């Protein structure tokens, strides 16, 4: 799986941004993996000095000083974003090379070989005629759920299962049913590239 980096600038206060920027500058200095940075290290260092001065001036300064600090913050954020894009392009998903840039690696999604079976499936009538509400528990590696329904008791012979819907949540309301008629339901969890076994069957009867 290809690795990636993150920058996480959204909630970073100016002093933390300055420290992060200086860390990136230090890691890129003398790093032969990144010879054509979008902004030279000399200019990046000068921008870091400007941010430090702007932060200091804004502490007890005027609204103009704070506005200037905020403008320099935006400059630094832009430089970090374009630098991160350049790093990604140079490293082509190589985790070891990415880490030499100073940017932290993005968390890799967990890989699961098997998709779980939905448990604790429950069916109940709603206050609306012809509806049955289905709920079930969390399921390992599930991205989506397929809801299947039948009009005959599967314990009594061959049953035809029809798809009633597909959702990403752990609940679903089946509509358009015949009031007071018995229906059987089961849930199938869908993963990234495979699906799990069906859940236990539950009986639902709409009002």
Protein backbone atom coordinates (compact mmCIF):
# COMPACT_ATOMS: atom_id res chain seq x y z
CA UNK A 1 0.00 0.00 0.00
CA UNK A 2 1.34 3.43 -0.98
CA UNK A 3 2.31 5.66 1.91
CA UNK A 4 1.38 9.33 2.21
CA UNK A 5 2.16 12.32 4.41
CA UNK A 6 -0.05 14.78 6.25
CA UNK A 7 0.47 18.38 7.32
CA UNK A 8 -2.51 19.08 9.61
CA UNK A 9 -2.40 22.88 9.50
CA UNK A 10 -6.07 23.57 10.23
CA UNK A 11 -5.83 23.94 14.03
CA UNK A 12 -2.13 24.79 14.34
CA UNK A 13 -1.46 27.99 16.29
CA UNK A 14 1.25 30.36 14.96
CA UNK A 15 3.98 29.28 17.45
CA UNK A 16 3.34 25.61 16.65
CA UNK A 17 3.33 26.42 12.93
CA UNK A 18 6.69 28.15 13.29
CA UNK A 19 8.16 25.12 15.10
CA UNK A 20 6.79 22.77 12.44
CA UNK A 21 8.11 24.97 9.62
CA UNK A 22 11.58 25.06 11.20
CA UNK A 23 11.49 21.27 11.61
CA UNK A 24 10.73 20.84 7.90
CA UNK A 25 13.51 23.26 6.95
CA UNK A 26 15.99 21.34 9.11
CA UNK A 27 14.99 17.96 7.62
CA UNK A 28 15.20 19.26 4.04
CA UNK A 29 18.58 20.94 4.52
CA UNK A 30 21.22 18.77 2.86
CA UNK A 31 18.60 16.21 1.81
CA UNK A 32 19.60 15.07 -1.69
CA UNK A 33 16.21 13.41 -2.22
CA UNK A 34 14.61 16.83 -2.78
CA UNK A 35 16.87 18.91 -5.04
CA UNK A 36 14.22 21.15 -6.62
CA UNK A 37 12.12 22.52 -3.80
CA UNK A 38 9.32 24.89 -4.86
CA UNK A 39 10.84 27.50 -2.53
CA UNK A 40 14.56 27.54 -1.82
CA UNK A 41 15.78 26.77 1.68
CA UNK A 42 17.26 30.26 1.87
CA UNK A 43 13.86 31.81 1.16
CA UNK A 44 12.10 29.39 3.50
CA UNK A 45 14.52 30.36 6.29
CA UNK A 46 13.89 34.05 5.63
CA UNK A 47 10.14 33.43 5.77
CA UNK A 48 10.61 31.61 9.10
CA UNK A 49 12.44 34.65 10.48
CA UNK A 50 9.59 36.86 9.27
CA UNK A 51 7.03 34.65 11.01
CA UNK A 52 9.01 34.72 14.26
CA UNK A 53 9.16 38.52 14.14
CA UNK A 54 5.46 38.78 13.30
CA UNK A 55 4.48 36.51 16.18
CA UNK A 56 6.56 38.54 18.63
CA UNK A 57 5.17 41.85 17.37
CA UNK A 58 1.58 40.63 17.63
CA UNK A 59 1.82 39.58 21.29
CA UNK A 60 1.33 43.09 22.67
CA UNK A 61 0.88 44.82 19.34
CA UNK A 62 -1.93 46.49 17.49
CA UNK A 63 -4.59 45.01 15.25
CA UNK A 64 -2.30 45.88 12.34
CA UNK A 65 0.46 43.74 13.88
CA UNK A 66 -1.95 40.82 14.31
CA UNK A 67 -3.19 41.19 10.74
CA UNK A 68 0.41 41.12 9.50
CA UNK A 69 1.11 37.99 11.58
CA UNK A 70 -1.95 36.30 10.10
CA UNK A 71 -0.82 37.20 6.58
CA UNK A 72 2.61 35.65 7.20
CA UNK A 73 0.93 32.56 8.68
CA UNK A 74 -0.99 32.12 5.42
CA UNK A 75 2.25 32.46 3.46
CA UNK A 76 3.91 29.75 5.53
CA UNK A 77 0.89 27.46 5.21
CA UNK A 78 0.94 27.86 1.42
CA UNK A 79 4.66 27.05 1.29
CA UNK A 80 4.16 23.96 3.43
CA UNK A 81 1.31 22.74 1.21
CA UNK A 82 3.23 23.10 -2.06
CA UNK A 83 6.32 21.58 -0.44
CA UNK A 84 4.29 18.60 0.75
CA UNK A 85 2.90 18.13 -2.77
CA UNK A 86 6.44 18.20 -4.16
CA UNK A 87 7.60 15.67 -1.56
CA UNK A 88 4.74 13.33 -2.46
CA UNK A 89 5.63 13.54 -6.14
CA UNK A 90 9.32 12.84 -5.51
CA UNK A 91 8.75 9.89 -3.17
CA UNK A 92 5.95 8.19 -5.11
CA UNK A 93 4.48 6.49 -2.05
CA UNK A 94 7.80 5.29 -0.57
CA UNK A 95 7.34 5.54 3.21
CA UNK A 96 11.07 5.57 4.03
CA UNK A 97 11.76 8.46 1.67
CA UNK A 98 8.70 10.37 2.82
CA UNK A 99 9.84 10.32 6.45
CA UNK A 100 13.16 11.97 5.53
CA UNK A 101 11.21 15.10 4.55
CA UNK A 102 10.10 15.79 8.11
CA UNK A 103 6.41 15.55 7.29
CA UNK A 104 4.60 12.94 9.41
CA UNK A 105 3.23 9.87 7.69
CA UNK A 106 -0.52 9.66 7.31
CA UNK A 107 -2.15 6.80 9.16
CA UNK A 108 -2.75 3.81 6.94
CA UNK A 109 -6.25 2.30 6.97
CA UNK A 110 -6.47 -1.05 8.68
CA UNK A 111 -6.57 -3.95 6.29
CA UNK A 112 -8.94 -6.80 6.98
CA UNK A 113 -8.86 -10.09 5.15
CA UNK A 114 -12.38 -11.08 6.13
CA UNK A 115 -15.61 -9.14 6.42
CA UNK A 116 -17.57 -9.84 9.59
CA UNK A 117 -21.13 -11.01 10.03
CA UNK A 118 -23.65 -8.46 11.39
CA UNK A 119 -24.78 -9.42 14.89
CA UNK A 120 -27.74 -8.52 17.08
CA UNK A 121 -30.08 -7.92 14.15
CA UNK A 122 -33.44 -6.64 15.40
CA UNK A 123 -36.69 -5.95 13.54
CA UNK A 124 -39.62 -3.92 14.84
CA UNK A 125 -42.69 -2.21 13.44
CA UNK A 126 -42.78 1.57 13.30
CA UNK A 127 -45.66 3.95 13.86
CA UNK A 128 -46.15 4.07 10.09
CA UNK A 129 -48.19 1.38 8.37
CA UNK A 130 -46.20 -0.92 6.10
CA UNK A 131 -42.79 -0.24 7.65
CA UNK A 132 -40.26 -2.37 9.54
CA UNK A 133 -37.23 -0.86 11.26
CA UNK A 134 -34.03 -2.95 11.23
CA UNK A 135 -31.01 -2.38 13.46
CA UNK A 136 -27.77 -4.32 13.96
CA UNK A 137 -24.36 -4.03 15.60
CA UNK A 138 -20.94 -2.90 14.35
CA UNK A 139 -19.29 -5.26 11.91
CA UNK A 140 -15.58 -5.81 11.22
CA UNK A 141 -14.36 -4.36 7.87
CA UNK A 142 -17.88 -3.37 6.76
CA UNK A 143 -18.17 -0.32 4.51
CA UNK A 144 -21.78 -0.88 3.47
CA UNK A 145 -24.66 -3.20 4.33
CA UNK A 146 -27.09 -4.91 1.99
CA UNK A 147 -30.54 -5.55 3.42
CA UNK A 148 -32.26 -8.66 2.08
CA UNK A 149 -35.87 -9.69 2.62
CA UNK A 150 -38.02 -12.74 1.91
CA UNK A 151 -41.73 -13.49 2.12
CA UNK A 152 -41.39 -17.14 3.13
CA UNK A 153 -39.89 -18.75 6.23
CA UNK A 154 -36.33 -19.87 5.28
CA UNK A 155 -36.49 -22.69 7.84
CA UNK A 156 -39.26 -24.38 5.85
CA UNK A 157 -37.52 -24.75 2.50
CA UNK A 158 -35.97 -22.84 -0.38
CA UNK A 159 -36.33 -19.07 0.06
CA UNK A 160 -35.90 -16.28 -2.48
CA UNK A 161 -34.02 -13.32 -1.05
CA UNK A 162 -34.53 -9.88 -2.58
CA UNK A 163 -32.51 -6.74 -1.92
CA UNK A 164 -34.51 -4.18 0.03
CA UNK A 165 -31.79 -1.57 0.18
CA UNK A 166 -28.14 -0.75 0.84
CA UNK A 167 -26.82 1.61 3.53
CA UNK A 168 -23.62 2.61 5.31
CA UNK A 169 -25.33 2.93 8.70
CA UNK A 170 -26.41 0.19 11.09
CA UNK A 171 -30.10 0.81 10.65
CA UNK A 172 -32.63 0.76 7.85
CA UNK A 173 -36.38 1.18 7.47
CA UNK A 174 -38.04 -1.12 4.96
CA UNK A 175 -41.11 0.53 3.44
CA UNK A 176 -43.95 -0.49 1.17
CA UNK A 177 -44.73 -3.72 3.01
CA UNK A 178 -48.15 -5.29 3.41
CA UNK A 179 -49.50 -4.53 6.90
CA UNK A 180 -49.53 -7.42 9.39
CA UNK A 181 -47.82 -9.77 6.92
CA UNK A 182 -44.74 -11.72 8.04
CA UNK A 183 -41.41 -10.87 6.41
CA UNK A 184 -37.95 -12.31 7.02
CA UNK A 185 -34.80 -10.19 6.90
CA UNK A 186 -31.04 -10.66 6.95
CA UNK A 187 -28.06 -8.31 6.62
CA UNK A 188 -24.94 -8.81 4.50
CA UNK A 189 -21.84 -6.70 5.27
CA UNK A 190 -19.90 -5.38 2.26
CA UNK A 191 -16.17 -4.67 2.50
CA UNK A 192 -13.78 -2.95 0.11
CA UNK A 193 -13.60 -5.82 -2.33
CA UNK A 194 -15.59 -8.66 -0.77
CA UNK A 195 -18.70 -9.39 1.24
CA UNK A 196 -19.30 -11.38 4.38
CA UNK A 197 -21.76 -14.13 5.18
CA UNK A 198 -25.39 -13.22 5.86
CA UNK A 199 -26.52 -12.49 9.39
CA UNK A 200 -29.02 -14.53 11.33
CA UNK A 201 -32.55 -14.20 9.98
CA UNK A 202 -35.10 -12.11 11.88
CA UNK A 203 -38.86 -11.94 11.52
CA UNK A 204 -40.55 -8.59 11.07
CA UNK A 205 -44.23 -7.76 10.84
CA UNK A 206 -45.30 -4.22 9.86
CA UNK A 207 -48.28 -2.47 11.42
